[in-house]
C-alpha cells in the first residue's frame, strides 16, 4: 500500500503532513507515532484497518516535512495535544479513537 500524504493547515498556524485513508463515513482512528518516527510507523495497521476505518496518521509537529517551530516552548504537551484536536477539526472529524506509540502514546494520553 502506498501512503499518500497531504498538507493540512491547522488553526494555530502549524502545518502537518498527514495520511488520510479509508471511507470518509467510517469510524475514525488517529495514529500518533513515537520518537523519532513518522506516519510510516503505522503503515501495516493502516493497510489492515483502512477498509473499515478512516485512518489518519500525521507526521507530528517537528517531524519530517511538518512544521518545525524553533522555540522549545512550542513543543509542550498542551500544544502537541492541541494539534491533534485542530487536525480533527480541519478534517471535519468530530469523534475519533486515538492510538499512540511511545511519545505518541504520551500525547494520546493527554
PDB file of N, CA and C in Angstrom:
ATOM      1  N   UNK A   1       0.847  -1.182   0.000  1.00  0.00           N
ATOM      2  CA  UNK A   1       0.000   0.000   0.000  1.00  0.00           C
ATOM      3  C   UNK A   1       0.887   1.238   0.000  1.00  0.00           C
ATOM      4  N   UNK A   2       0.644   2.130  -0.930  1.00  0.00           N
ATOM      5  CA  UNK A   2       1.356   3.405  -0.996  1.00  0.00           C
ATOM      6  C   UNK A   2       0.558   4.419  -0.192  1.00  0.00           C
ATOM      7  N   UNK A   3       1.209   5.027   0.783  1.00  0.00           N
ATOM      8  CA  UNK A   3       0.536   6.021   1.623  1.00  0.00           C
ATOM      9  C   UNK A   3       0.849   7.415   1.098  1.00  0.00           C
ATOM     10  N   UNK A   4      -0.173   8.088   0.621  1.00  0.00           N
ATOM     11  CA  UNK A   4      -0.003   9.451   0.134  1.00  0.00           C
ATOM     12  C   UNK A   4      -0.313  10.429   1.249  1.00  0.00           C
ATOM     13  N   UNK A   5       0.522  11.445   1.360  1.00  0.00           N
ATOM     14  CA  UNK A   5       0.318  12.471   2.374  1.00  0.00           C
ATOM     15  C   UNK A   5      -0.251  13.724   1.739  1.00  0.00           C
ATOM     16  N   UNK A   6      -0.992  14.463   2.555  1.00  0.00           N
ATOM     17  CA  UNK A   6      -1.427  15.793   2.146  1.00  0.00           C
ATOM     18  C   UNK A   6      -1.083  16.744   3.278  1.00  0.00           C
ATOM     19  N   UNK A   7      -0.904  17.997   2.925  1.00  0.00           N
ATOM     20  CA  UNK A   7      -0.539  19.037   3.887  1.00  0.00           C
ATOM     21  C   UNK A   7      -1.829  19.629   4.444  1.00  0.00           C
ATOM     22  N   UNK A   8      -1.935  19.646   5.769  1.00  0.00           N
ATOM     23  CA  UNK A   8      -3.111  20.190   6.442  1.00  0.00           C
ATOM     24  C   UNK A   8      -2.678  21.378   7.294  1.00  0.00           C
ATOM     25  N   UNK A   9      -3.289  22.526   7.059  1.00  0.00           N
ATOM     26  CA  UNK A   9      -3.022  23.728   7.845  1.00  0.00           C
ATOM     27  C   UNK A   9      -3.954  23.721   9.053  1.00  0.00           C
ATOM     28  N   UNK A  10      -3.380  23.862  10.233  1.00  0.00           N
ATOM     29  CA  UNK A  10      -4.157  23.905  11.470  1.00  0.00           C
ATOM     30  C   UNK A  10      -4.492  25.352  11.821  1.00  0.00           C
ATOM     31  N   UNK A  11      -5.466  25.518  12.672  1.00  0.00           N
ATOM     32  CA  UNK A  11      -5.907  26.849  13.082  1.00  0.00           C
ATOM     33  C   UNK A  11      -4.870  27.637  13.862  1.00  0.00           C
ATOM     34  N   UNK A  12      -3.792  26.988  14.321  1.00  0.00           N
ATOM     35  CA  UNK A  12      -2.748  27.667  15.087  1.00  0.00           C
ATOM     36  C   UNK A  12      -1.534  28.032  14.235  1.00  0.00           C
ATOM     37  N   UNK A  13      -1.629  27.832  12.901  1.00  0.00           N
ATOM     38  CA  UNK A  13      -0.523  28.167  12.020  1.00  0.00           C
ATOM     39  C   UNK A  13       0.418  27.009  11.727  1.00  0.00           C
ATOM     40  N   UNK A  14       0.303  25.921  12.458  1.00  0.00           N
ATOM     41  CA  UNK A  14       1.117  24.723  12.218  1.00  0.00           C
ATOM     42  C   UNK A  14       0.566  24.001  10.994  1.00  0.00           C
ATOM     43  N   UNK A  15       1.450  23.422  10.195  1.00  0.00           N
ATOM     44  CA  UNK A  15       1.047  22.594   9.068  1.00  0.00           C
ATOM     45  C   UNK A  15       1.604  21.193   9.281  1.00  0.00           C
ATOM     46  N   UNK A  16       0.728  20.191   9.116  1.00  0.00           N
ATOM     47  CA  UNK A  16       1.129  18.801   9.293  1.00  0.00           C
ATOM     48  C   UNK A  16       0.968  18.043   7.984  1.00  0.00           C
ATOM     49  N   UNK A  17       1.924  17.166   7.698  1.00  0.00           N
ATOM     50  CA  UNK A  17       1.785  16.214   6.600  1.00  0.00           C
ATOM     51  C   UNK A  17       1.023  15.020   7.164  1.00  0.00           C
ATOM     52  N   UNK A  18      -0.046  14.615   6.463  1.00  0.00           N
ATOM     53  CA  UNK A  18      -0.992  13.656   7.021  1.00  0.00           C
ATOM     54  C   UNK A  18      -1.371  12.600   5.989  1.00  0.00           C
ATOM     55  N   UNK A  19      -1.398  11.341   6.415  1.00  0.00           N
ATOM     56  CA  UNK A  19      -2.006  10.262   5.645  1.00  0.00           C
ATOM     57  C   UNK A  19      -3.451  10.181   6.104  1.00  0.00           C
ATOM     58  N   UNK A  20      -4.371  10.086   5.151  1.00  0.00           N
ATOM     59  CA  UNK A  20      -5.809  10.020   5.452  1.00  0.00           C
ATOM     60  C   UNK A  20      -6.412   8.988   4.504  1.00  0.00           C
ATOM     61  N   UNK A  21      -6.551   7.745   4.968  1.00  0.00           N
ATOM     62  CA  UNK A  21      -7.003   6.625   4.141  1.00  0.00           C
ATOM     63  C   UNK A  21      -8.277   6.031   4.706  1.00  0.00           C
ATOM     64  N   UNK A  22      -9.106   5.508   3.834  1.00  0.00           N
ATOM     65  CA  UNK A  22     -10.307   4.802   4.247  1.00  0.00           C
ATOM     66  C   UNK A  22     -11.569   5.598   3.986  1.00  0.00           C
ATOM     67  N   UNK A  23     -12.716   4.954   4.176  1.00  0.00           N
ATOM     68  CA  UNK A  23     -14.003   5.600   3.900  1.00  0.00           C
ATOM     69  C   UNK A  23     -14.231   6.820   4.778  1.00  0.00           C
ATOM     70  N   UNK A  24     -14.680   7.912   4.173  1.00  0.00           N
ATOM     71  CA  UNK A  24     -14.900   9.166   4.907  1.00  0.00           C
ATOM     72  C   UNK A  24     -16.041   9.068   5.907  1.00  0.00           C
ATOM     73  N   UNK A  25     -16.956   8.121   5.711  1.00  0.00           N
ATOM     74  CA  UNK A  25     -18.086   7.989   6.623  1.00  0.00           C
ATOM     75  C   UNK A  25     -17.872   6.893   7.671  1.00  0.00           C
ATOM     76  N   UNK A  26     -16.677   6.327   7.720  1.00  0.00           N
ATOM     77  CA  UNK A  26     -16.360   5.255   8.673  1.00  0.00           C
ATOM     78  C   UNK A  26     -15.883   5.838  10.003  1.00  0.00           C
ATOM     79  N   UNK A  27     -15.896   5.029  11.069  1.00  0.00           N
ATOM     80  CA  UNK A  27     -15.289   5.481  12.329  1.00  0.00           C
ATOM     81  C   UNK A  27     -13.822   5.853  12.098  1.00  0.00           C
ATOM     82  N   UNK A  28     -13.343   6.828  12.859  1.00  0.00           N
ATOM     83  CA  UNK A  28     -12.005   7.388  12.634  1.00  0.00           C
ATOM     84  C   UNK A  28     -11.012   6.894  13.681  1.00  0.00           C
ATOM     85  N   UNK A  29      -9.846   6.480  13.192  1.00  0.00           N
ATOM     86  CA  UNK A  29      -8.684   6.171  14.032  1.00  0.00           C
ATOM     87  C   UNK A  29      -7.605   7.189  13.709  1.00  0.00           C
ATOM     88  N   UNK A  30      -7.077   7.862  14.739  1.00  0.00           N
ATOM     89  CA  UNK A  30      -5.937   8.767  14.551  1.00  0.00           C
ATOM     90  C   UNK A  30      -4.734   8.112  15.209  1.00  0.00           C
ATOM     91  N   UNK A  31      -3.696   7.886  14.415  1.00  0.00           N
ATOM     92  CA  UNK A  31      -2.487   7.198  14.851  1.00  0.00           C
ATOM     93  C   UNK A  31      -1.371   8.215  15.108  1.00  0.00           C
ATOM     94  N   UNK A  32      -0.771   8.163  16.301  1.00  0.00           N
ATOM     95  CA  UNK A  32       0.311   9.076  16.672  1.00  0.00           C
ATOM     96  C   UNK A  32       1.610   8.293  16.866  1.00  0.00           C
ATOM     97  N   UNK A  33       2.598   8.624  16.072  1.00  0.00           N
ATOM     98  CA  UNK A  33       3.890   7.940  16.105  1.00  0.00           C
ATOM     99  C   UNK A  33       4.728   8.364  17.303  1.00  0.00           C
ATOM    100  N   UNK A  34       5.779   7.597  17.540  1.00  0.00           N
ATOM    101  CA  UNK A  34       6.716   7.895  18.619  1.00  0.00           C
ATOM    102  C   UNK A  34       7.926   8.664  18.124  1.00  0.00           C
ATOM    103  N   UNK A  35       8.947   8.719  18.969  1.00  0.00           N
ATOM    104  CA  UNK A  35      10.195   9.417  18.672  1.00  0.00           C
ATOM    105  C   UNK A  35      11.255   8.384  18.325  1.00  0.00           C
ATOM    106  N   UNK A  36      12.003   8.599  17.303  1.00  0.00           N
ATOM    107  CA  UNK A  36      11.984   9.618  16.260  1.00  0.00           C
ATOM    108  C   UNK A  36      11.377   9.046  14.978  1.00  0.00           C
ATOM    109  N   UNK A  37      10.118   8.813  14.976  1.00  0.00           N
ATOM    110  CA  UNK A  37       9.452   8.086  13.900  1.00  0.00           C
ATOM    111  C   UNK A  37       8.612   9.012  13.019  1.00  0.00           C
ATOM    112  N   UNK A  38       7.656   8.438  12.299  1.00  0.00           N
ATOM    113  CA  UNK A  38       6.775   9.191  11.405  1.00  0.00           C
ATOM    114  C   UNK A  38       5.496   8.394  11.197  1.00  0.00           C
ATOM    115  N   UNK A  39       4.661   8.873  10.302  1.00  0.00           N
ATOM    116  CA  UNK A  39       3.427   8.163   9.963  1.00  0.00           C
ATOM    117  C   UNK A  39       3.699   6.732   9.516  1.00  0.00           C
ATOM    118  N   UNK A  40       4.877   6.478   8.955  1.00  0.00           N
ATOM    119  CA  UNK A  40       5.210   5.138   8.437  1.00  0.00           C
ATOM    120  C   UNK A  40       5.194   4.065   9.511  1.00  0.00           C
ATOM    121  N   UNK A  41       5.318   4.460  10.769  1.00  0.00           N
ATOM    122  CA  UNK A  41       5.215   3.507  11.874  1.00  0.00           C
ATOM    123  C   UNK A  41       3.928   2.700  11.761  1.00  0.00           C
ATOM    124  N   UNK A  42       2.892   3.323  11.214  1.00  0.00           N
ATOM    125  CA  UNK A  42       1.544   2.745  11.200  1.00  0.00           C
ATOM    126  C   UNK A  42       1.155   2.155   9.851  1.00  0.00           C
ATOM    127  N   UNK A  43       2.080   2.016   8.912  1.00  0.00           N
ATOM    128  CA  UNK A  43       1.720   1.586   7.553  1.00  0.00           C
ATOM    129  C   UNK A  43       1.009   0.238   7.520  1.00  0.00           C
ATOM    130  N   UNK A  44       1.414  -0.709   8.363  1.00  0.00           N
ATOM    131  CA  UNK A  44       0.771  -2.028   8.359  1.00  0.00           C
ATOM    132  C   UNK A  44      -0.628  -1.964   8.979  1.00  0.00           C
ATOM    133  N   UNK A  45      -0.776  -1.175  10.036  1.00  0.00           N
ATOM    134  CA  UNK A  45      -2.089  -1.017  10.661  1.00  0.00           C
ATOM    135  C   UNK A  45      -3.051  -0.287   9.722  1.00  0.00           C
ATOM    136  N   UNK A  46      -2.562   0.732   9.030  1.00  0.00           N
ATOM    137  CA  UNK A  46      -3.411   1.459   8.081  1.00  0.00           C
ATOM    138  C   UNK A  46      -3.866   0.512   6.976  1.00  0.00           C
ATOM    139  N   UNK A  47      -2.954  -0.286   6.451  1.00  0.00           N
ATOM    140  CA  UNK A  47      -3.314  -1.244   5.400  1.00  0.00           C
ATOM    141  C   UNK A  47      -4.373  -2.230   5.911  1.00  0.00           C
ATOM    142  N   UNK A  48      -4.250  -2.637   7.158  1.00  0.00           N
ATOM    143  CA  UNK A  48      -5.184  -3.612   7.736  1.00  0.00           C
ATOM    144  C   UNK A  48      -6.561  -3.006   8.025  1.00  0.00           C
ATOM    145  N   UNK A  49      -6.601  -1.790   8.539  1.00  0.00           N
ATOM    146  CA  UNK A  49      -7.862  -1.207   9.016  1.00  0.00           C
ATOM    147  C   UNK A  49      -8.575  -0.295   8.019  1.00  0.00           C
ATOM    148  N   UNK A  50      -7.897   0.165   6.979  1.00  0.00           N
ATOM    149  CA  UNK A  50      -8.474   1.214   6.133  1.00  0.00           C
ATOM    150  C   UNK A  50      -9.647   0.754   5.270  1.00  0.00           C
ATOM    151  N   UNK A  51      -9.970  -0.524   5.287  1.00  0.00           N
ATOM    152  CA  UNK A  51     -11.165  -0.960   4.557  1.00  0.00           C
ATOM    153  C   UNK A  51     -12.439  -0.679   5.351  1.00  0.00           C
ATOM    154  N   UNK A  52     -12.306  -0.486   6.672  1.00  0.00           N
ATOM    155  CA  UNK A  52     -13.489  -0.282   7.517  1.00  0.00           C
ATOM    156  C   UNK A  52     -13.372   0.882   8.488  1.00  0.00           C
ATOM    157  N   UNK A  53     -12.223   1.547   8.510  1.00  0.00           N
ATOM    158  CA  UNK A  53     -11.996   2.729   9.339  1.00  0.00           C
ATOM    159  C   UNK A  53     -11.353   3.812   8.487  1.00  0.00           C
ATOM    160  N   UNK A  54     -11.632   5.038   8.833  1.00  0.00           N
ATOM    161  CA  UNK A  54     -10.866   6.155   8.272  1.00  0.00           C
ATOM    162  C   UNK A  54      -9.624   6.274   9.133  1.00  0.00           C
ATOM    163  N   UNK A  55      -8.471   6.059   8.548  1.00  0.00           N
ATOM    164  CA  UNK A  55      -7.195   6.034   9.261  1.00  0.00           C
ATOM    165  C   UNK A  55      -6.421   7.319   8.966  1.00  0.00           C
ATOM    166  N   UNK A  56      -6.141   8.067  10.009  1.00  0.00           N
ATOM    167  CA  UNK A  56      -5.435   9.343   9.886  1.00  0.00           C
ATOM    168  C   UNK A  56      -4.127   9.229  10.662  1.00  0.00           C
ATOM    169  N   UNK A  57      -3.020   9.492   9.979  1.00  0.00           N
ATOM    170  CA  UNK A  57      -1.704   9.383  10.614  1.00  0.00           C
ATOM    171  C   UNK A  57      -0.867  10.604  10.245  1.00  0.00           C
ATOM    172  N   UNK A  58      -0.760  11.562  11.153  1.00  0.00           N
ATOM    173  CA  UNK A  58       0.065  12.744  10.861  1.00  0.00           C
ATOM    174  C   UNK A  58       1.535  12.506  11.183  1.00  0.00           C
ATOM    175  N   UNK A  59       2.386  13.217  10.462  1.00  0.00           N
ATOM    176  CA  UNK A  59       3.747  13.426  10.949  1.00  0.00           C
ATOM    177  C   UNK A  59       3.581  14.592  11.912  1.00  0.00           C
ATOM    178  N   UNK A  60       3.807  14.344  13.183  1.00  0.00           N
ATOM    179  CA  UNK A  60       3.532  15.359  14.191  1.00  0.00           C
ATOM    180  C   UNK A  60       4.483  16.549  14.071  1.00  0.00           C
ATOM    181  N   UNK A  61       4.132  17.599  14.758  1.00  0.00           N
ATOM    182  CA  UNK A  61       4.936  18.820  14.812  1.00  0.00           C
ATOM    183  C   UNK A  61       6.404  18.457  15.086  1.00  0.00           C
ATOM    184  N   UNK A  62       7.290  18.975  14.235  1.00  0.00           N
ATOM    185  CA  UNK A  62       8.721  18.749  14.421  1.00  0.00           C
ATOM    186  C   UNK A  62       9.281  17.550  13.671  1.00  0.00           C
ATOM    187  N   UNK A  63       8.442  16.775  13.005  1.00  0.00           N
ATOM    188  CA  UNK A  63       8.895  15.566  12.324  1.00  0.00           C
ATOM    189  C   UNK A  63       8.737  15.692  10.819  1.00  0.00           C
ATOM    190  N   UNK A  64       9.683  15.093  10.115  1.00  0.00           N
ATOM    191  CA  UNK A  64       9.693  15.033   8.655  1.00  0.00           C
ATOM    192  C   UNK A  64       9.343  16.384   8.044  1.00  0.00           C
ATOM    193  N   UNK A  65       8.329  16.437   7.184  1.00  0.00           N
ATOM    194  CA  UNK A  65       8.003  17.677   6.486  1.00  0.00           C
ATOM    195  C   UNK A  65       7.059  18.598   7.218  1.00  0.00           C
ATOM    196  N   UNK A  66       6.517  18.165   8.356  1.00  0.00           N
ATOM    197  CA  UNK A  66       5.593  19.013   9.114  1.00  0.00           C
ATOM    198  C   UNK A  66       6.324  20.219   9.693  1.00  0.00           C
ATOM    199  N   UNK A  67       5.555  21.222  10.115  1.00  0.00           N
ATOM    200  CA  UNK A  67       6.143  22.440  10.691  1.00  0.00           C
ATOM    201  C   UNK A  67       7.100  22.109  11.821  1.00  0.00           C
ATOM    202  N   UNK A  68       8.163  22.901  11.892  1.00  0.00           N
ATOM    203  CA  UNK A  68       9.194  22.727  12.920  1.00  0.00           C
ATOM    204  C   UNK A  68       9.468  24.064  13.602  1.00  0.00           C
ATOM    205  N   UNK A  69       8.592  24.484  14.498  1.00  0.00           N
ATOM    206  CA  UNK A  69       8.869  25.738  15.219  1.00  0.00           C
ATOM    207  C   UNK A  69      10.216  25.643  15.935  1.00  0.00           C
ATOM    208  N   UNK A  70      10.877  26.770  16.085  1.00  0.00           N
ATOM    209  CA  UNK A  70      12.229  26.776  16.646  1.00  0.00           C
ATOM    210  C   UNK A  70      12.283  26.822  18.173  1.00  0.00           C
ATOM    211  N   UNK A  71      11.272  27.397  18.816  1.00  0.00           N
ATOM    212  CA  UNK A  71      11.314  27.572  20.272  1.00  0.00           C
ATOM    213  C   UNK A  71      10.959  26.274  21.000  1.00  0.00           C
ATOM    214  N   UNK A  72      11.702  25.990  22.054  1.00  0.00           N
ATOM    215  CA  UNK A  72      11.416  24.825  22.889  1.00  0.00           C
ATOM    216  C   UNK A  72       9.986  24.901  23.430  1.00  0.00           C
ATOM    217  N   UNK A  73       9.526  26.084  23.749  1.00  0.00           N
ATOM    218  CA  UNK A  73       8.176  26.274  24.300  1.00  0.00           C
ATOM    219  C   UNK A  73       7.081  25.873  23.309  1.00  0.00           C
ATOM    220  N   UNK A  74       7.428  25.726  22.032  1.00  0.00           N
ATOM    221  CA  UNK A  74       6.447  25.318  21.031  1.00  0.00           C
ATOM    222  C   UNK A  74       6.199  23.814  21.018  1.00  0.00           C
ATOM    223  N   UNK A  75       6.864  23.081  21.914  1.00  0.00           N
ATOM    224  CA  UNK A  75       6.742  21.622  21.948  1.00  0.00           C
ATOM    225  C   UNK A  75       6.207  21.112  23.287  1.00  0.00           C
ATOM    226  N   UNK A  76       5.529  21.952  24.020  1.00  0.00           N
ATOM    227  CA  UNK A  76       4.947  21.498  25.288  1.00  0.00           C
ATOM    228  C   UNK A  76       3.761  20.579  24.998  1.00  0.00           C
ATOM    229  N   UNK A  77       3.480  19.654  25.913  1.00  0.00           N
ATOM    230  CA  UNK A  77       2.395  18.692  25.668  1.00  0.00           C
ATOM    231  C   UNK A  77       1.059  19.333  25.313  1.00  0.00           C
ATOM    232  N   UNK A  78       0.716  20.451  25.937  1.00  0.00           N
ATOM    233  CA  UNK A  78      -0.573  21.076  25.621  1.00  0.00           C
ATOM    234  C   UNK A  78      -0.646  21.507  24.154  1.00  0.00           C
ATOM    235  N   UNK A  79       0.469  21.951  23.596  1.00  0.00           N
ATOM    236  CA  UNK A  79       0.476  22.352  22.185  1.00  0.00           C
ATOM    237  C   UNK A  79       0.391  21.134  21.262  1.00  0.00           C
ATOM    238  N   UNK A  80       1.083  20.058  21.632  1.00  0.00           N
ATOM    239  CA  UNK A  80       1.061  18.843  20.816  1.00  0.00           C
ATOM    240  C   UNK A  80      -0.314  18.171  20.862  1.00  0.00           C
ATOM    241  N   UNK A  81      -0.933  18.136  22.024  1.00  0.00           N
ATOM    242  CA  UNK A  81      -2.303  17.613  22.140  1.00  0.00           C
ATOM    243  C   UNK A  81      -3.257  18.507  21.354  1.00  0.00           C
ATOM    244  N   UNK A  82      -3.081  19.807  21.483  1.00  0.00           N
ATOM    245  CA  UNK A  82      -3.927  20.751  20.763  1.00  0.00           C
ATOM    246  C   UNK A  82      -3.854  20.558  19.261  1.00  0.00           C
ATOM    247  N   UNK A  83      -2.658  20.215  18.747  1.00  0.00           N
ATOM    248  CA  UNK A  83      -2.513  19.965  17.314  1.00  0.00           C
ATOM    249  C   UNK A  83      -3.465  18.867  16.842  1.00  0.00           C
ATOM    250  N   UNK A  84      -3.653  17.847  17.657  1.00  0.00           N
ATOM    251  CA  UNK A  84      -4.484  16.712  17.245  1.00  0.00           C
ATOM    252  C   UNK A  84      -5.954  17.123  17.170  1.00  0.00           C
ATOM    253  N   UNK A  85      -6.410  17.901  18.131  1.00  0.00           N
ATOM    254  CA  UNK A  85      -7.797  18.386  18.074  1.00  0.00           C
ATOM    255  C   UNK A  85      -7.998  19.341  16.898  1.00  0.00           C
ATOM    256  N   UNK A  86      -6.993  20.180  16.634  1.00  0.00           N
ATOM    257  CA  UNK A  86      -7.077  21.085  15.480  1.00  0.00           C
ATOM    258  C   UNK A  86      -7.022  20.315  14.161  1.00  0.00           C
ATOM    259  N   UNK A  87      -6.247  19.237  14.123  1.00  0.00           N
ATOM    260  CA  UNK A  87      -6.204  18.393  12.933  1.00  0.00           C
ATOM    261  C   UNK A  87      -7.574  17.764  12.681  1.00  0.00           C
ATOM    262  N   UNK A  88      -8.179  17.216  13.731  1.00  0.00           N
ATOM    263  CA  UNK A  88      -9.512  16.618  13.586  1.00  0.00           C
ATOM    264  C   UNK A  88     -10.502  17.656  13.060  1.00  0.00           C
ATOM    265  N   UNK A  89     -10.458  18.852  13.620  1.00  0.00           N
ATOM    266  CA  UNK A  89     -11.365  19.916  13.177  1.00  0.00           C
ATOM    267  C   UNK A  89     -11.118  20.274  11.713  1.00  0.00           C
ATOM    268  N   UNK A  90      -9.851  20.372  11.322  1.00  0.00           N
ATOM    269  CA  UNK A  90      -9.515  20.734   9.944  1.00  0.00           C
ATOM    270  C   UNK A  90      -9.996  19.675   8.950  1.00  0.00           C
ATOM    271  N   UNK A  91     -10.070  18.428   9.405  1.00  0.00           N
ATOM    272  CA  UNK A  91     -10.513  17.337   8.543  1.00  0.00           C
ATOM    273  C   UNK A  91     -12.011  17.064   8.672  1.00  0.00           C
ATOM    274  N   UNK A  92     -12.693  17.851   9.494  1.00  0.00           N
ATOM    275  CA  UNK A  92     -14.133  17.665   9.659  1.00  0.00           C
ATOM    276  C   UNK A  92     -14.497  16.464  10.491  1.00  0.00           C
ATOM    277  N   UNK A  93     -13.590  16.046  11.376  1.00  0.00           N
ATOM    278  CA  UNK A  93     -13.799  14.867  12.217  1.00  0.00           C
ATOM    279  C   UNK A  93     -14.213  15.319  13.613  1.00  0.00           C
ATOM    280  N   UNK A  94     -15.362  14.842  14.055  1.00  0.00           N
ATOM    281  CA  UNK A  94     -15.855  15.204  15.382  1.00  0.00           C
ATOM    282  C   UNK A  94     -15.494  14.157  16.437  1.00  0.00           C
ATOM    283  N   UNK A  95     -15.657  12.888  16.104  1.00  0.00           N
ATOM    284  CA  UNK A  95     -15.384  11.789  17.036  1.00  0.00           C
ATOM    285  C   UNK A  95     -14.281  10.911  16.469  1.00  0.00           C
ATOM    286  N   UNK A  96     -13.378  10.474  17.337  1.00  0.00           N
ATOM    287  CA  UNK A  96     -12.300   9.611  16.875  1.00  0.00           C
ATOM    288  C   UNK A  96     -11.738   8.806  18.041  1.00  0.00           C
ATOM    289  N   UNK A  97     -11.089   7.727  17.671  1.00  0.00           N
ATOM    290  CA  UNK A  97     -10.307   6.922  18.621  1.00  0.00           C
ATOM    291  C   UNK A  97      -8.854   7.209  18.323  1.00  0.00           C
ATOM    292  N   UNK A  98      -8.091   7.433  19.387  1.00  0.00           N
ATOM    293  CA  UNK A  98      -6.685   7.771  19.203  1.00  0.00           C
ATOM    294  C   UNK A  98      -5.819   6.582  19.596  1.00  0.00           C
ATOM    295  N   UNK A  99      -4.794   6.330  18.785  1.00  0.00           N
ATOM    296  CA  UNK A  99      -3.870   5.225  19.005  1.00  0.00           C
ATOM    297  C   UNK A  99      -2.476   5.828  19.033  1.00  0.00           C
ATOM    298  N   UNK A 100      -1.728   5.582  20.094  1.00  0.00           N
ATOM    299  CA  UNK A 100      -0.398   6.174  20.200  1.00  0.00           C
ATOM    300  C   UNK A 100       0.658   5.176  20.597  1.00  0.00           C
ATOM    301  N   UNK A 101       1.873   5.441  20.138  1.00  0.00           N
ATOM    302  CA  UNK A 101       3.030   4.612  20.465  1.00  0.00           C
ATOM    303  C   UNK A 101       4.146   5.516  20.969  1.00  0.00           C
ATOM    304  N   UNK A 102       4.812   5.099  22.048  1.00  0.00           N
ATOM    305  CA  UNK A 102       5.981   5.820  22.547  1.00  0.00           C
ATOM    306  C   UNK A 102       5.574   7.266  22.861  1.00  0.00           C
ATOM    307  N   UNK A 103       6.245   8.257  22.305  1.00  0.00           N
ATOM    308  CA  UNK A 103       5.897   9.662  22.560  1.00  0.00           C
ATOM    309  C   UNK A 103       4.474   9.956  22.094  1.00  0.00           C
ATOM    310  N   UNK A 104       4.040   9.315  21.018  1.00  0.00           N
ATOM    311  CA  UNK A 104       2.664   9.464  20.560  1.00  0.00           C
ATOM    312  C   UNK A 104       1.678   8.938  21.589  1.00  0.00           C
ATOM    313  N   UNK A 105       2.083   7.937  22.373  1.00  0.00           N
ATOM    314  CA  UNK A 105       1.235   7.427  23.456  1.00  0.00           C
ATOM    315  C   UNK A 105       1.069   8.463  24.549  1.00  0.00           C
ATOM    316  N   UNK A 106       2.122   9.191  24.841  1.00  0.00           N
ATOM    317  CA  UNK A 106       2.031  10.250  25.850  1.00  0.00           C
ATOM    318  C   UNK A 106       1.101  11.351  25.372  1.00  0.00           C
ATOM    319  N   UNK A 107       1.168  11.695  24.096  1.00  0.00           N
ATOM    320  CA  UNK A 107       0.271  12.712  23.551  1.00  0.00           C
ATOM    321  C   UNK A 107      -1.165  12.189  23.546  1.00  0.00           C
ATOM    322  N   UNK A 108      -1.343  10.921  23.185  1.00  0.00           N
ATOM    323  CA  UNK A 108      -2.679  10.306  23.202  1.00  0.00           C
ATOM    324  C   UNK A 108      -3.256  10.324  24.610  1.00  0.00           C
ATOM    325  N   UNK A 109      -2.428  10.044  25.594  1.00  0.00           N
ATOM    326  CA  UNK A 109      -2.882  10.051  26.992  1.00  0.00           C
ATOM    327  C   UNK A 109      -3.403  11.445  27.368  1.00  0.00           C
ATOM    328  N   UNK A 110      -2.712  12.482  26.891  1.00  0.00           N
ATOM    329  CA  UNK A 110      -3.123  13.860  27.171  1.00  0.00           C
ATOM    330  C   UNK A 110      -4.464  14.172  26.548  1.00  0.00           C
TER     331      UNK A 110
END
